Amino acid sequence: MNETNINPSDPRLIAFNRLLNIMDDLRAKCPWDQKQTMESLRHLTIEETYELSDAILKGDKNDIKKEIGDILLHLVFYAKIGSETNDFDITDVINALCEKMIFRHPHIYGDVQVKDAAEVTTNWEKLKQKEGNKGALSGVPNSMPSLLKALRIQDKARAIGFDWEDPGQVWEKVQEELGELQEEVTSRASATTELAKKNSQDKLKSELGDVLFALINYARFLNINSEDALEKTNKKFISRFNYMEQKILAQGKALADCSLAEMDVFWNEAKKMEH
């Protein structure tokens, strides 16, 4: 194991040390950086993470490099703030991370044998539970967006063996949930009192959630990331809508003044151009 080998002239160490020195300067001299707290940085870090996600989806390598740097700056910033309160510093953060990685990779730093990536994932989840006697789903952040949360929940359940056996079973579940959703839609239509309508709306929301969860599960069995698939559709819709809007504006009209049939003409043009 070469994890303790240190080369002072390693350009990675030099670059990281330069970043730490810059962070020290910013915290000591810049009014904006001086007033920041972990709480004030939190929403900015989330924004930077989404910007990295956008860059990855676009495949823009230069943008990816820039966004990774922005996130790295935030991580160093949090560690700097932690050092000022004597809670932890960047050394504590990195050493704790290294120890965790070594512990969770016994097939690299121990004598455990694994046959594939799936087995590595299963071992990873088991080792995580040993670290703090936590439940199998305890590592899923409460504030994570719901679609991503569903993915993580399903991945963690699969890692401990709680999963469907084949895609056909999951597709049957999707159809079952769709049927229950349609039944609730029909039931709501026959509701007469305000209380009955409210109860039906609550049930409808629950049934729709079940459908979405089942579809995300089915996508997982097809080796499709639901978040990526949905984002691709979002971008496709935006592209088609922008094309339609530009064509209509070029005619001196406003979208609100056009019929659906008129808008469909340009929508279909945009679809053809994609192919």
Protein backbone atom coordinates (compact mmCIF):
# COMPACT_ATOMS: atom_id res chain seq x y z
CA MET A 1 0.00 0.00 0.00
CA ASN A 2 1.50 3.32 -1.16
CA GLU A 3 -0.93 5.70 0.54
CA THR A 4 1.77 7.15 2.85
CA ASN A 5 4.35 7.83 0.15
CA ILE A 6 4.83 11.60 -0.08
CA ASN A 7 6.71 13.49 -2.78
CA PRO A 8 7.04 17.18 -1.81
CA SER A 9 7.54 18.11 -5.45
CA ASP A 10 4.30 16.42 -6.49
CA PRO A 11 2.42 19.11 -8.49
CA ARG A 12 -0.86 17.96 -6.91
CA LEU A 13 0.44 18.75 -3.42
CA ILE A 14 1.85 22.07 -4.57
CA ALA A 15 -1.45 23.05 -6.19
CA PHE A 16 -3.49 22.02 -3.15
CA ASN A 17 -1.19 23.91 -0.80
CA ARG A 18 -1.56 26.98 -3.02
CA LEU A 19 -5.34 26.73 -2.71
CA LEU A 20 -5.12 26.47 1.09
CA ASN A 21 -2.91 29.56 1.23
CA ILE A 22 -5.34 31.49 -0.97
CA MET A 23 -8.20 30.44 1.31
CA ASP A 24 -6.25 31.75 4.30
CA ASP A 25 -5.72 35.08 2.52
CA LEU A 26 -9.38 35.40 1.54
CA ARG A 27 -10.60 34.67 5.05
CA ALA A 28 -8.16 37.19 6.53
CA LYS A 29 -8.51 40.02 4.03
CA CYS A 30 -11.71 39.82 1.94
CA PRO A 31 -14.83 41.37 3.56
CA TRP A 32 -17.19 39.01 1.72
CA ASP A 33 -15.23 35.87 2.61
CA GLN A 34 -14.85 37.01 6.21
CA LYS A 35 -18.60 37.20 6.80
CA GLN A 36 -19.44 33.77 5.37
CA THR A 37 -20.64 30.92 7.58
CA MET A 38 -21.40 27.29 6.83
CA GLU A 39 -25.08 28.22 6.73
CA SER A 40 -24.56 31.09 4.27
CA LEU A 41 -22.43 28.91 1.98
CA ARG A 42 -24.87 26.00 1.98
CA HIS A 43 -27.23 27.20 -0.77
CA LEU A 44 -24.28 28.35 -2.88
CA THR A 45 -22.71 24.89 -2.64
CA ILE A 46 -25.96 23.31 -3.79
CA GLU A 47 -26.05 25.72 -6.73
CA GLU A 48 -22.45 24.88 -7.66
CA THR A 49 -23.29 21.16 -7.54
CA TYR A 50 -26.14 21.65 -10.01
CA GLU A 51 -23.84 23.67 -12.26
CA LEU A 52 -21.39 20.76 -12.27
CA SER A 53 -24.27 18.44 -13.11
CA ASP A 54 -25.24 20.66 -16.07
CA ALA A 55 -21.65 20.69 -17.31
CA ILE A 56 -21.44 16.90 -17.11
CA LEU A 57 -24.70 16.48 -19.04
CA LYS A 58 -23.43 18.88 -21.71
CA GLY A 59 -20.14 16.99 -21.91
CA ASP A 60 -18.23 20.29 -21.69
CA LYS A 61 -14.86 19.24 -20.26
CA ASN A 62 -13.58 22.79 -19.66
CA ASP A 63 -16.79 23.67 -17.84
CA ILE A 64 -16.57 20.46 -15.80
CA LYS A 65 -13.03 21.40 -14.75
CA LYS A 66 -14.18 24.87 -13.70
CA GLU A 67 -17.18 23.60 -11.73
CA ILE A 68 -15.08 20.97 -9.92
CA GLY A 69 -12.80 23.81 -8.86
CA ASP A 70 -15.74 25.84 -7.56
CA ILE A 71 -16.95 22.92 -5.44
CA LEU A 72 -13.42 22.23 -4.19
CA LEU A 73 -13.17 25.84 -3.08
CA HIS A 74 -16.37 25.44 -1.07
CA LEU A 75 -15.08 22.29 0.62
CA VAL A 76 -11.85 24.02 1.60
CA PHE A 77 -13.93 26.97 2.83
CA TYR A 78 -16.00 24.74 5.13
CA ALA A 79 -12.82 23.19 6.52
CA LYS A 80 -11.32 26.66 7.11
CA ILE A 81 -14.40 27.72 9.07
CA GLY A 82 -14.23 24.47 11.05
CA SER A 83 -10.61 25.16 11.96
CA GLU A 84 -11.50 28.60 13.32
CA THR A 85 -13.85 27.03 15.86
CA ASN A 86 -11.37 24.22 16.63
CA ASP A 87 -13.91 21.61 15.51
CA PHE A 88 -11.88 20.22 12.60
CA ASP A 89 -9.52 21.34 9.87
CA ILE A 90 -8.70 20.20 6.34
CA THR A 91 -6.21 17.65 7.68
CA ASP A 92 -8.90 16.06 9.85
CA VAL A 93 -11.29 15.99 6.90
CA ILE A 94 -8.84 14.32 4.54
CA ASN A 95 -7.51 11.82 7.08
CA ALA A 96 -11.04 10.79 8.07
CA LEU A 97 -11.89 10.34 4.40
CA CYS A 98 -8.78 8.24 3.79
CA GLU A 99 -9.53 5.98 6.75
CA LYS A 100 -13.09 5.53 5.55
CA MET A 101 -11.99 4.65 2.01
CA ILE A 102 -9.47 2.12 3.30
CA PHE A 103 -12.07 0.52 5.56
CA ARG A 104 -14.69 0.34 2.82
CA HIS A 105 -12.28 -1.17 0.27
CA PRO A 106 -11.09 -4.38 1.95
CA HIS A 107 -10.72 -5.90 -1.53
CA ILE A 108 -7.94 -3.34 -2.12
CA TYR A 109 -6.47 -2.84 1.37
CA GLY A 110 -7.30 -6.25 2.81
CA ASP A 111 -7.79 -9.86 1.77
CA VAL A 112 -11.46 -9.74 0.72
CA GLN A 113 -12.22 -11.10 -2.75
CA VAL A 114 -14.92 -9.60 -5.00
CA LYS A 115 -16.11 -10.74 -8.41
CA ASP A 116 -17.66 -7.53 -9.79
CA ALA A 117 -18.79 -3.96 -9.11
CA ALA A 118 -22.17 -5.12 -7.79
CA GLU A 119 -20.47 -7.10 -5.03
CA VAL A 120 -18.33 -4.07 -4.18
CA THR A 121 -21.53 -2.02 -3.76
CA THR A 122 -23.10 -4.67 -1.54
CA ASN A 123 -20.01 -4.83 0.68
CA TRP A 124 -19.90 -1.03 0.78
CA GLU A 125 -23.42 -0.80 2.22
CA LYS A 126 -22.73 -3.53 4.78
CA LEU A 127 -19.55 -1.79 5.92
CA LYS A 128 -21.36 1.55 6.21
CA GLN A 129 -23.85 -0.02 8.60
CA LYS A 130 -21.02 -1.39 10.75
CA GLU A 131 -19.50 2.06 11.13
CA GLY A 132 -22.33 3.46 13.21
CA ASN A 133 -24.99 0.79 13.65
CA LYS A 134 -27.18 2.77 11.28
CA GLY A 135 -30.17 1.50 9.33
CA ALA A 136 -29.76 0.52 5.69
CA LEU A 137 -31.54 3.69 4.52
CA SER A 138 -30.09 6.10 7.07
CA GLY A 139 -27.52 7.51 4.65
CA VAL A 140 -30.17 9.02 2.35
CA PRO A 141 -30.29 12.80 3.04
CA ASN A 142 -33.72 14.15 3.97
CA SER A 143 -33.18 17.27 1.86
CA MET A 144 -32.26 15.35 -1.30
CA PRO A 145 -34.62 16.01 -4.26
CA SER A 146 -37.34 13.37 -4.31
CA LEU A 147 -36.40 11.71 -7.61
CA LEU A 148 -32.77 11.30 -6.56
CA LYS A 149 -33.89 10.18 -3.11
CA ALA A 150 -36.02 7.42 -4.67
CA LEU A 151 -32.99 6.26 -6.65
CA ARG A 152 -30.80 6.12 -3.57
CA ILE A 153 -33.47 4.34 -1.52
CA GLN A 154 -33.83 1.68 -4.20
CA ASP A 155 -30.06 1.29 -4.60
CA LYS A 156 -29.58 0.84 -0.86
CA ALA A 157 -32.46 -1.63 -0.59
CA ARG A 158 -30.98 -3.62 -3.48
CA ALA A 159 -27.56 -3.68 -1.81
CA ILE A 160 -28.94 -5.64 1.16
CA GLY A 161 -30.95 -8.02 -1.05
CA PHE A 162 -34.41 -6.39 -0.92
CA ASP A 163 -35.21 -6.15 -4.62
CA TRP A 164 -37.20 -7.59 -7.50
CA GLU A 165 -35.73 -10.50 -9.40
CA ASP A 166 -36.28 -9.33 -12.99
CA PRO A 167 -37.60 -6.35 -14.99
CA GLY A 168 -40.84 -8.16 -15.86
CA GLN A 169 -41.91 -8.17 -12.22
CA VAL A 170 -41.21 -4.45 -11.93
CA TRP A 171 -43.18 -3.67 -15.08
CA GLU A 172 -46.14 -5.58 -13.66
CA LYS A 173 -45.85 -3.38 -10.56
CA VAL A 174 -45.88 -0.27 -12.76
CA GLN A 175 -49.07 -1.46 -14.46
CA GLU A 176 -50.63 -2.31 -11.11
CA GLU A 177 -49.87 1.17 -9.76
CA LEU A 178 -51.20 2.81 -12.93
CA GLY A 179 -54.43 0.87 -12.51
CA GLU A 180 -54.78 2.03 -8.91
CA LEU A 181 -54.12 5.61 -9.99
CA GLN A 182 -56.84 5.42 -12.63
CA GLU A 183 -59.27 3.95 -10.10
CA GLU A 184 -58.63 6.90 -7.81
CA VAL A 185 -59.14 9.35 -10.68
CA THR A 186 -62.53 7.75 -11.31
CA SER A 187 -63.33 7.81 -7.59
CA ARG A 188 -62.54 11.52 -7.32
CA ALA A 189 -64.90 12.29 -10.18
CA SER A 190 -67.77 10.81 -8.17
CA ALA A 191 -66.94 12.63 -4.92
CA THR A 192 -69.72 14.98 -3.85
CA THR A 193 -68.69 16.56 -0.53
CA GLU A 194 -65.69 18.78 0.10
CA LEU A 195 -64.32 16.26 2.62
CA ALA A 196 -64.67 13.43 0.12
CA LYS A 197 -62.93 15.51 -2.55
CA LYS A 198 -60.05 16.34 -0.18
CA ASN A 199 -59.63 12.70 0.87
CA SER A 200 -59.70 11.63 -2.76
CA GLN A 201 -57.08 14.24 -3.68
CA ASP A 202 -54.80 12.97 -0.91
CA LYS A 203 -55.22 9.39 -2.14
CA LEU A 204 -54.61 10.52 -5.72
CA LYS A 205 -51.35 12.15 -4.70
CA SER A 206 -50.31 8.94 -2.92
CA GLU A 207 -51.15 6.79 -5.94
CA LEU A 208 -49.25 9.08 -8.29
CA GLY A 209 -46.23 8.87 -5.99
CA ASP A 210 -46.46 5.06 -6.15
CA VAL A 211 -46.49 5.21 -9.97
CA LEU A 212 -43.43 7.46 -10.08
CA PHE A 213 -41.54 5.30 -7.59
CA ALA A 214 -42.35 2.17 -9.62
CA LEU A 215 -41.24 3.81 -12.87
CA ILE A 216 -37.95 4.89 -11.32
CA ASN A 217 -37.49 1.32 -10.15
CA TYR A 218 -38.25 -0.04 -13.62
CA ALA A 219 -35.75 2.38 -15.18
CA ARG A 220 -33.12 1.09 -12.76
CA PHE A 221 -33.69 -2.44 -14.04
CA LEU A 222 -33.20 -1.12 -17.58
CA ASN A 223 -29.89 0.43 -16.47
CA ILE A 224 -31.30 3.92 -17.07
CA ASN A 225 -30.77 6.72 -14.58
CA SER A 226 -34.19 8.33 -14.16
CA GLU A 227 -32.73 11.72 -13.30
CA ASP A 228 -30.67 11.75 -16.49
CA ALA A 229 -33.61 10.53 -18.57
CA LEU A 230 -35.95 13.20 -17.19
CA GLU A 231 -33.38 15.95 -17.63
CA LYS A 232 -32.88 14.90 -21.26
CA THR A 233 -36.63 15.21 -21.80
CA ASN A 234 -36.64 18.61 -20.04
CA LYS A 235 -33.96 19.88 -22.40
CA LYS A 236 -35.80 18.44 -25.40
CA PHE A 237 -39.03 20.17 -24.39
CA ILE A 238 -37.23 23.50 -23.85
CA SER A 239 -35.55 23.24 -27.26
CA ARG A 240 -38.83 22.50 -29.06
CA PHE A 241 -40.72 25.17 -27.14
CA ASN A 242 -38.07 27.82 -27.87
CA TYR A 243 -38.16 26.95 -31.58
CA MET A 244 -41.96 27.21 -31.63
CA GLU A 245 -41.89 30.51 -29.76
CA GLN A 246 -39.29 32.04 -32.07
CA LYS A 247 -41.21 31.01 -35.18
CA ILE A 248 -44.44 32.51 -33.86
CA LEU A 249 -42.73 35.74 -32.76
CA ALA A 250 -41.16 36.01 -36.23
CA GLN A 251 -44.71 36.16 -37.62
CA GLY A 252 -45.45 39.12 -35.39
CA LYS A 253 -47.69 37.12 -33.08
CA ALA A 254 -47.64 36.24 -29.39
CA LEU A 255 -47.97 32.71 -28.09
CA ALA A 256 -51.09 33.66 -26.14
CA ASP A 257 -52.79 34.73 -29.38
CA CYS A 258 -52.19 31.42 -31.17
CA SER A 259 -54.38 28.36 -31.15
CA LEU A 260 -53.02 25.00 -30.08
CA ALA A 261 -53.23 23.84 -33.69
CA GLU A 262 -51.05 26.77 -34.82
CA MET A 263 -48.47 26.02 -32.14
CA ASP A 264 -48.48 22.31 -33.02
CA VAL A 265 -47.31 23.11 -36.55
CA PHE A 266 -44.04 24.55 -35.31
CA TRP A 267 -43.76 22.01 -32.49
CA ASN A 268 -43.85 19.21 -35.07
CA GLU A 269 -41.31 21.06 -37.19
CA ALA A 270 -38.95 21.11 -34.21
CA LYS A 271 -39.47 17.39 -33.69
CA LYS A 272 -38.61 16.65 -37.34
CA MET A 273 -35.45 18.74 -37.13
CA GLU A 274 -34.24 16.58 -34.22
CA HIS A 275 -34.23 13.53 -36.48
